[in-house]
Amino acid sequence: MKTVYETKGTCSKAIELDVDDATGIINSVQFIGGCAGNIAGISQLVRGMKAEDVISRLEGVRCGLKPTSCPDQLATALRQIITR
């Protein structure tokens, strides 16, 4: 399922995701805005992983003093997708 998640509290503005409905495998992730190298790296690392595994690794990651981060927002978006 392709979806767009609008991030909250990060430099990135949104995350475009494609997650297989049947398997929960992440086909693609693209951040809109944010730190180019970091978000490109995250996108490459999570491709092919199960959404649940990514959530368990990235949920709660903070960016400096902010209460969230791009990885944390990705975990939030994935949680919304798999609980629909």
PDB file of N, CA and C in Angstrom:
ATOM      1  N   MET A   1       0.844  -1.170   0.000  1.00  0.00           N
ATOM      2  CA  MET A   1       0.000   0.000   0.000  1.00  0.00           C
ATOM      3  C   MET A   1       0.893   1.238   0.000  1.00  0.00           C
ATOM      4  N   LYS A   2       0.631   2.123  -0.915  1.00  0.00           N
ATOM      5  CA  LYS A   2       1.364   3.384  -0.970  1.00  0.00           C
ATOM      6  C   LYS A   2       0.599   4.416  -0.154  1.00  0.00           C
ATOM      7  N   THR A   3       1.343   5.163   0.641  1.00  0.00           N
ATOM      8  CA  THR A   3       0.721   6.184   1.479  1.00  0.00           C
ATOM      9  C   THR A   3       1.706   7.320   1.725  1.00  0.00           C
ATOM     10  N   VAL A   4       1.183   8.461   2.108  1.00  0.00           N
ATOM     11  CA  VAL A   4       2.008   9.613   2.474  1.00  0.00           C
ATOM     12  C   VAL A   4       1.662   9.975   3.908  1.00  0.00           C
ATOM     13  N   TYR A   5       2.692  10.078   4.743  1.00  0.00           N
ATOM     14  CA  TYR A   5       2.529  10.446   6.143  1.00  0.00           C
ATOM     15  C   TYR A   5       3.132  11.835   6.337  1.00  0.00           C
ATOM     16  N   GLU A   6       2.357  12.769   6.872  1.00  0.00           N
ATOM     17  CA  GLU A   6       2.864  14.112   7.165  1.00  0.00           C
ATOM     18  C   GLU A   6       3.532  14.088   8.535  1.00  0.00           C
ATOM     19  N   THR A   7       4.836  14.365   8.541  1.00  0.00           N
ATOM     20  CA  THR A   7       5.604  14.301   9.786  1.00  0.00           C
ATOM     21  C   THR A   7       5.281  15.474  10.698  1.00  0.00           C
ATOM     22  N   LYS A   8       5.600  15.295  11.969  1.00  0.00           N
ATOM     23  CA  LYS A   8       5.378  16.323  12.981  1.00  0.00           C
ATOM     24  C   LYS A   8       6.657  16.495  13.800  1.00  0.00           C
ATOM     25  N   GLY A   9       7.149  17.723  13.894  1.00  0.00           N
ATOM     26  CA  GLY A   9       8.297  18.008  14.747  1.00  0.00           C
ATOM     27  C   GLY A   9       9.647  17.689  14.159  1.00  0.00           C
ATOM     28  N   THR A  10       9.736  17.522  12.841  1.00  0.00           N
ATOM     29  CA  THR A  10      11.017  17.217  12.198  1.00  0.00           C
ATOM     30  C   THR A  10      11.279  18.159  11.027  1.00  0.00           C
ATOM     31  N   CYS A  11      12.504  18.144  10.547  1.00  0.00           N
ATOM     32  CA  CYS A  11      12.856  18.944   9.375  1.00  0.00           C
ATOM     33  C   CYS A  11      12.171  18.412   8.121  1.00  0.00           C
ATOM     34  N   SER A  12      12.009  17.092   8.044  1.00  0.00           N
ATOM     35  CA  SER A  12      11.290  16.533   6.893  1.00  0.00           C
ATOM     36  C   SER A  12       9.812  16.893   7.029  1.00  0.00           C
ATOM     37  N   LYS A  13       9.161  17.047   5.897  1.00  0.00           N
ATOM     38  CA  LYS A  13       7.753  17.456   5.878  1.00  0.00           C
ATOM     39  C   LYS A  13       6.799  16.280   5.739  1.00  0.00           C
ATOM     40  N   ALA A  14       7.265  15.215   5.075  1.00  0.00           N
ATOM     41  CA  ALA A  14       6.410  14.059   4.839  1.00  0.00           C
ATOM     42  C   ALA A  14       7.284  12.851   4.508  1.00  0.00           C
ATOM     43  N   ILE A  15       6.643  11.671   4.578  1.00  0.00           N
ATOM     44  CA  ILE A  15       7.303  10.424   4.202  1.00  0.00           C
ATOM     45  C   ILE A  15       6.365   9.686   3.251  1.00  0.00           C
ATOM     46  N   GLU A  16       6.880   9.345   2.075  1.00  0.00           N
ATOM     47  CA  GLU A  16       6.130   8.525   1.130  1.00  0.00           C
ATOM     48  C   GLU A  16       6.562   7.083   1.342  1.00  0.00           C
ATOM     49  N   LEU A  17       5.577   6.199   1.606  1.00  0.00           N
ATOM     50  CA  LEU A  17       5.884   4.810   1.921  1.00  0.00           C
ATOM     51  C   LEU A  17       5.131   3.861   1.005  1.00  0.00           C
ATOM     52  N   ASP A  18       5.763   2.738   0.719  1.00  0.00           N
ATOM     53  CA  ASP A  18       5.100   1.645   0.017  1.00  0.00           C
ATOM     54  C   ASP A  18       5.390   0.382   0.820  1.00  0.00           C
ATOM     55  N   VAL A  19       4.350  -0.162   1.469  1.00  0.00           N
ATOM     56  CA  VAL A  19       4.472  -1.350   2.300  1.00  0.00           C
ATOM     57  C   VAL A  19       3.521  -2.406   1.753  1.00  0.00           C
ATOM     58  N   ASP A  20       4.025  -3.630   1.558  1.00  0.00           N
ATOM     59  CA  ASP A  20       3.200  -4.727   1.062  1.00  0.00           C
ATOM     60  C   ASP A  20       2.158  -5.091   2.117  1.00  0.00           C
ATOM     61  N   ASP A  21       0.894  -5.041   1.744  1.00  0.00           N
ATOM     62  CA  ASP A  21      -0.204  -5.324   2.678  1.00  0.00           C
ATOM     63  C   ASP A  21      -0.141  -6.746   3.236  1.00  0.00           C
ATOM     64  N   ALA A  22       0.190  -7.701   2.392  1.00  0.00           N
ATOM     65  CA  ALA A  22       0.160  -9.103   2.797  1.00  0.00           C
ATOM     66  C   ALA A  22       1.318  -9.487   3.715  1.00  0.00           C
ATOM     67  N   THR A  23       2.503  -8.960   3.438  1.00  0.00           N
ATOM     68  CA  THR A  23       3.697  -9.404   4.174  1.00  0.00           C
ATOM     69  C   THR A  23       4.214  -8.383   5.186  1.00  0.00           C
ATOM     70  N   GLY A  24       3.841  -7.132   5.040  1.00  0.00           N
ATOM     71  CA  GLY A  24       4.377  -6.090   5.906  1.00  0.00           C
ATOM     72  C   GLY A  24       5.794  -5.695   5.553  1.00  0.00           C
ATOM     73  N   ILE A  25       6.258  -6.119   4.386  1.00  0.00           N
ATOM     74  CA  ILE A  25       7.611  -5.788   3.925  1.00  0.00           C
ATOM     75  C   ILE A  25       7.596  -4.392   3.302  1.00  0.00           C
ATOM     76  N   ILE A  26       8.610  -3.606   3.635  1.00  0.00           N
ATOM     77  CA  ILE A  26       8.734  -2.249   3.111  1.00  0.00           C
ATOM     78  C   ILE A  26       9.361  -2.303   1.719  1.00  0.00           C
ATOM     79  N   ASN A  27       8.623  -1.800   0.737  1.00  0.00           N
ATOM     80  CA  ASN A  27       9.131  -1.752  -0.639  1.00  0.00           C
ATOM     81  C   ASN A  27       9.941  -0.490  -0.886  1.00  0.00           C
ATOM     82  N   SER A  28       9.486   0.639  -0.353  1.00  0.00           N
ATOM     83  CA  SER A  28      10.219   1.884  -0.539  1.00  0.00           C
ATOM     84  C   SER A  28       9.816   2.906   0.515  1.00  0.00           C
ATOM     85  N   VAL A  29      10.762   3.798   0.803  1.00  0.00           N
ATOM     86  CA  VAL A  29      10.552   4.921   1.725  1.00  0.00           C
ATOM     87  C   VAL A  29      11.249   6.121   1.120  1.00  0.00           C
ATOM     88  N   GLN A  30      10.547   7.238   1.051  1.00  0.00           N
ATOM     89  CA  GLN A  30      11.162   8.469   0.569  1.00  0.00           C
ATOM     90  C   GLN A  30      10.726   9.616   1.471  1.00  0.00           C
ATOM     91  N   PHE A  31      11.693  10.278   2.078  1.00  0.00           N
ATOM     92  CA  PHE A  31      11.419  11.445   2.906  1.00  0.00           C
ATOM     93  C   PHE A  31      11.363  12.679   2.019  1.00  0.00           C
ATOM     94  N   ILE A  32      10.477  13.584   2.347  1.00  0.00           N
ATOM     95  CA  ILE A  32      10.377  14.868   1.658  1.00  0.00           C
ATOM     96  C   ILE A  32      10.957  15.909   2.610  1.00  0.00           C
ATOM     97  N   GLY A  33      12.100  16.470   2.239  1.00  0.00           N
ATOM     98  CA  GLY A  33      12.806  17.401   3.107  1.00  0.00           C
ATOM     99  C   GLY A  33      13.679  16.644   4.100  1.00  0.00           C
ATOM    100  N   GLY A  34      14.353  17.378   4.966  1.00  0.00           N
ATOM    101  CA  GLY A  34      15.210  16.762   5.978  1.00  0.00           C
ATOM    102  C   GLY A  34      16.659  16.720   5.550  1.00  0.00           C
ATOM    103  N   CYS A  35      17.475  16.057   6.343  1.00  0.00           N
ATOM    104  CA  CYS A  35      18.919  15.933   6.101  1.00  0.00           C
ATOM    105  C   CYS A  35      19.165  14.862   5.045  1.00  0.00           C
ATOM    106  N   ALA A  36      19.558  15.274   3.865  1.00  0.00           N
ATOM    107  CA  ALA A  36      19.606  14.400   2.684  1.00  0.00           C
ATOM    108  C   ALA A  36      20.353  13.089   2.910  1.00  0.00           C
ATOM    109  N   GLY A  37      21.538  13.146   3.448  1.00  0.00           N
ATOM    110  CA  GLY A  37      22.327  11.925   3.636  1.00  0.00           C
ATOM    111  C   GLY A  37      21.703  10.968   4.634  1.00  0.00           C
ATOM    112  N   ASN A  38      21.242  11.506   5.742  1.00  0.00           N
ATOM    113  CA  ASN A  38      20.645  10.655   6.779  1.00  0.00           C
ATOM    114  C   ASN A  38      19.376   9.973   6.293  1.00  0.00           C
ATOM    115  N   ILE A  39      18.504  10.728   5.670  1.00  0.00           N
ATOM    116  CA  ILE A  39      17.241  10.122   5.255  1.00  0.00           C
ATOM    117  C   ILE A  39      17.425   9.175   4.079  1.00  0.00           C
ATOM    118  N   ALA A  40      18.399   9.451   3.218  1.00  0.00           N
ATOM    119  CA  ALA A  40      18.698   8.514   2.133  1.00  0.00           C
ATOM    120  C   ALA A  40      19.219   7.206   2.713  1.00  0.00           C
ATOM    121  N   GLY A  41      20.068   7.307   3.719  1.00  0.00           N
ATOM    122  CA  GLY A  41      20.606   6.112   4.376  1.00  0.00           C
ATOM    123  C   GLY A  41      19.517   5.304   5.050  1.00  0.00           C
ATOM    124  N   ILE A  42      18.640   5.968   5.779  1.00  0.00           N
ATOM    125  CA  ILE A  42      17.530   5.281   6.442  1.00  0.00           C
ATOM    126  C   ILE A  42      16.668   4.573   5.407  1.00  0.00           C
ATOM    127  N   SER A  43      16.353   5.260   4.337  1.00  0.00           N
ATOM    128  CA  SER A  43      15.506   4.680   3.288  1.00  0.00           C
ATOM    129  C   SER A  43      16.124   3.416   2.704  1.00  0.00           C
ATOM    130  N   GLN A  44      17.430   3.440   2.466  1.00  0.00           N
ATOM    131  CA  GLN A  44      18.125   2.273   1.915  1.00  0.00           C
ATOM    132  C   GLN A  44      18.151   1.118   2.918  1.00  0.00           C
ATOM    133  N   LEU A  45      18.378   1.435   4.183  1.00  0.00           N
ATOM    134  CA  LEU A  45      18.493   0.393   5.203  1.00  0.00           C
ATOM    135  C   LEU A  45      17.186  -0.344   5.459  1.00  0.00           C
ATOM    136  N   VAL A  46      16.069   0.355   5.430  1.00  0.00           N
ATOM    137  CA  VAL A  46      14.796  -0.277   5.791  1.00  0.00           C
ATOM    138  C   VAL A  46      14.123  -0.994   4.624  1.00  0.00           C
ATOM    139  N   ARG A  47      14.538  -0.726   3.398  1.00  0.00           N
ATOM    140  CA  ARG A  47      13.927  -1.393   2.246  1.00  0.00           C
ATOM    141  C   ARG A  47      14.136  -2.899   2.369  1.00  0.00           C
ATOM    142  N   GLY A  48      13.039  -3.652   2.229  1.00  0.00           N
ATOM    143  CA  GLY A  48      13.094  -5.107   2.330  1.00  0.00           C
ATOM    144  C   GLY A  48      12.886  -5.641   3.737  1.00  0.00           C
ATOM    145  N   MET A  49      12.813  -4.742   4.718  1.00  0.00           N
ATOM    146  CA  MET A  49      12.594  -5.172   6.100  1.00  0.00           C
ATOM    147  C   MET A  49      11.105  -5.237   6.418  1.00  0.00           C
ATOM    148  N   LYS A  50      10.777  -6.027   7.445  1.00  0.00           N
ATOM    149  CA  LYS A  50       9.397  -6.058   7.936  1.00  0.00           C
ATOM    150  C   LYS A  50       9.143  -4.777   8.725  1.00  0.00           C
ATOM    151  N   ALA A  51       7.963  -4.228   8.553  1.00  0.00           N
ATOM    152  CA  ALA A  51       7.598  -2.986   9.231  1.00  0.00           C
ATOM    153  C   ALA A  51       7.754  -3.117  10.748  1.00  0.00           C
ATOM    154  N   GLU A  52       7.363  -4.249  11.312  1.00  0.00           N
ATOM    155  CA  GLU A  52       7.461  -4.444  12.764  1.00  0.00           C
ATOM    156  C   GLU A  52       8.898  -4.342  13.255  1.00  0.00           C
ATOM    157  N   ASP A  53       9.841  -4.880  12.474  1.00  0.00           N
ATOM    158  CA  ASP A  53      11.255  -4.822  12.864  1.00  0.00           C
ATOM    159  C   ASP A  53      11.774  -3.390  12.843  1.00  0.00           C
ATOM    160  N   VAL A  54      11.367  -2.625  11.840  1.00  0.00           N
ATOM    161  CA  VAL A  54      11.790  -1.224  11.746  1.00  0.00           C
ATOM    162  C   VAL A  54      11.205  -0.427  12.911  1.00  0.00           C
ATOM    163  N   ILE A  55       9.953  -0.659  13.222  1.00  0.00           N
ATOM    164  CA  ILE A  55       9.316   0.045  14.345  1.00  0.00           C
ATOM    165  C   ILE A  55      10.081  -0.233  15.632  1.00  0.00           C
ATOM    166  N   SER A  56      10.405  -1.491  15.891  1.00  0.00           N
ATOM    167  CA  SER A  56      11.086  -1.836  17.146  1.00  0.00           C
ATOM    168  C   SER A  56      12.473  -1.206  17.245  1.00  0.00           C
ATOM    169  N   ARG A  57      13.114  -0.972  16.119  1.00  0.00           N
ATOM    170  CA  ARG A  57      14.455  -0.371  16.139  1.00  0.00           C
ATOM    171  C   ARG A  57      14.454   1.157  16.182  1.00  0.00           C
ATOM    172  N   LEU A  58      13.449   1.781  15.545  1.00  0.00           N
ATOM    173  CA  LEU A  58      13.495   3.228  15.377  1.00  0.00           C
ATOM    174  C   LEU A  58      12.570   4.017  16.300  1.00  0.00           C
ATOM    175  N   GLU A  59      11.565   3.373  16.843  1.00  0.00           N
ATOM    176  CA  GLU A  59      10.614   4.080  17.703  1.00  0.00           C
ATOM    177  C   GLU A  59      11.335   4.665  18.917  1.00  0.00           C
ATOM    178  N   GLY A  60      11.096   5.944  19.163  1.00  0.00           N
ATOM    179  CA  GLY A  60      11.680   6.614  20.323  1.00  0.00           C
ATOM    180  C   GLY A  60      13.019   7.290  20.078  1.00  0.00           C
ATOM    181  N   VAL A  61      13.580   7.149  18.875  1.00  0.00           N
ATOM    182  CA  VAL A  61      14.845   7.830  18.551  1.00  0.00           C
ATOM    183  C   VAL A  61      14.566   9.330  18.521  1.00  0.00           C
ATOM    184  N   ARG A  62      15.439  10.084  19.184  1.00  0.00           N
ATOM    185  CA  ARG A  62      15.248  11.533  19.242  1.00  0.00           C
ATOM    186  C   ARG A  62      16.326  12.243  18.438  1.00  0.00           C
ATOM    187  N   CYS A  63      16.026  13.466  18.027  1.00  0.00           N
ATOM    188  CA  CYS A  63      16.972  14.315  17.308  1.00  0.00           C
ATOM    189  C   CYS A  63      17.321  15.477  18.234  1.00  0.00           C
ATOM    190  N   GLY A  64      18.509  15.424  18.832  1.00  0.00           N
ATOM    191  CA  GLY A  64      18.901  16.472  19.775  1.00  0.00           C
ATOM    192  C   GLY A  64      17.918  16.568  20.920  1.00  0.00           C
ATOM    193  N   LEU A  65      17.417  17.766  21.174  1.00  0.00           N
ATOM    194  CA  LEU A  65      16.463  17.985  22.257  1.00  0.00           C
ATOM    195  C   LEU A  65      15.010  17.814  21.834  1.00  0.00           C
ATOM    196  N   LYS A  66      14.795  17.552  20.543  1.00  0.00           N
ATOM    197  CA  LYS A  66      13.429  17.350  20.054  1.00  0.00           C
ATOM    198  C   LYS A  66      12.878  16.032  20.607  1.00  0.00           C
ATOM    199  N   PRO A  67      11.578  15.970  20.823  1.00  0.00           N
ATOM    200  CA  PRO A  67      10.992  14.727  21.343  1.00  0.00           C
ATOM    201  C   PRO A  67      10.817  13.634  20.280  1.00  0.00           C
ATOM    202  N   THR A  68      11.180  13.931  19.040  1.00  0.00           N
ATOM    203  CA  THR A  68      11.029  12.976  17.936  1.00  0.00           C
ATOM    204  C   THR A  68      12.187  13.152  16.969  1.00  0.00           C
ATOM    205  N   SER A  69      12.156  12.416  15.866  1.00  0.00           N
ATOM    206  CA  SER A  69      13.189  12.479  14.826  1.00  0.00           C
ATOM    207  C   SER A  69      12.589  11.900  13.546  1.00  0.00           C
ATOM    208  N   CYS A  70      13.324  11.991  12.456  1.00  0.00           N
ATOM    209  CA  CYS A  70      12.855  11.378  11.216  1.00  0.00           C
ATOM    210  C   CYS A  70      12.696   9.855  11.377  1.00  0.00           C
ATOM    211  N   PRO A  71      13.662   9.158  12.002  1.00  0.00           N
ATOM    212  CA  PRO A  71      13.456   7.723  12.212  1.00  0.00           C
ATOM    213  C   PRO A  71      12.236   7.421  13.088  1.00  0.00           C
ATOM    214  N   ASP A  72      12.020   8.209  14.133  1.00  0.00           N
ATOM    215  CA  ASP A  72      10.862   8.016  15.000  1.00  0.00           C
ATOM    216  C   ASP A  72       9.568   8.266  14.238  1.00  0.00           C
ATOM    217  N   GLN A  73       9.549   9.277  13.386  1.00  0.00           N
ATOM    218  CA  GLN A  73       8.361   9.559  12.584  1.00  0.00           C
ATOM    219  C   GLN A  73       8.097   8.437  11.580  1.00  0.00           C
ATOM    220  N   LEU A  74       9.151   7.827  11.055  1.00  0.00           N
ATOM    221  CA  LEU A  74       8.987   6.669  10.175  1.00  0.00           C
ATOM    222  C   LEU A  74       8.330   5.529  10.944  1.00  0.00           C
ATOM    223  N   ALA A  75       8.791   5.289  12.168  1.00  0.00           N
ATOM    224  CA  ALA A  75       8.183   4.241  12.998  1.00  0.00           C
ATOM    225  C   ALA A  75       6.708   4.535  13.252  1.00  0.00           C
ATOM    226  N   THR A  76       6.382   5.789  13.517  1.00  0.00           N
ATOM    227  CA  THR A  76       4.990   6.190  13.747  1.00  0.00           C
ATOM    228  C   THR A  76       4.144   5.950  12.508  1.00  0.00           C
ATOM    229  N   ALA A  77       4.666   6.322  11.346  1.00  0.00           N
ATOM    230  CA  ALA A  77       3.943   6.114  10.093  1.00  0.00           C
ATOM    231  C   ALA A  77       3.716   4.630   9.836  1.00  0.00           C
ATOM    232  N   LEU A  78       4.733   3.825  10.053  1.00  0.00           N
ATOM    233  CA  LEU A  78       4.601   2.386   9.837  1.00  0.00           C
ATOM    234  C   LEU A  78       3.595   1.764  10.799  1.00  0.00           C
ATOM    235  N   ARG A  79       3.601   2.207  12.035  1.00  0.00           N
ATOM    236  CA  ARG A  79       2.636   1.687  13.022  1.00  0.00           C
ATOM    237  C   ARG A  79       1.207   1.979  12.553  1.00  0.00           C
ATOM    238  N   GLN A  80       0.982   3.190  12.040  1.00  0.00           N
ATOM    239  CA  GLN A  80      -0.348   3.529  11.520  1.00  0.00           C
ATOM    240  C   GLN A  80      -0.738   2.637  10.357  1.00  0.00           C
ATOM    241  N   ILE A  81       0.216   2.326   9.492  1.00  0.00           N
ATOM    242  CA  ILE A  81      -0.080   1.496   8.329  1.00  0.00           C
ATOM    243  C   ILE A  81      -0.446   0.079   8.746  1.00  0.00           C
ATOM    244  N   ILE A  82       0.327  -0.511   9.645  1.00  0.00           N
ATOM    245  CA  ILE A  82       0.095  -1.921   9.971  1.00  0.00           C
ATOM    246  C   ILE A  82      -1.086  -2.131  10.907  1.00  0.00           C
ATOM    247  N   THR A  83      -1.575  -1.058  11.544  1.00  0.00           N
ATOM    248  CA  THR A  83      -2.720  -1.223  12.439  1.00  0.00           C
ATOM    249  C   THR A  83      -4.041  -0.829  11.779  1.00  0.00           C
ATOM    250  N   ARG A  84      -4.024  -0.543  10.491  1.00  0.00           N
ATOM    251  CA  ARG A  84      -5.271  -0.206   9.773  1.00  0.00           C
ATOM    252  C   ARG A  84      -6.112  -1.432   9.577  1.00  0.00           C
TER     253      ARG A  84
END
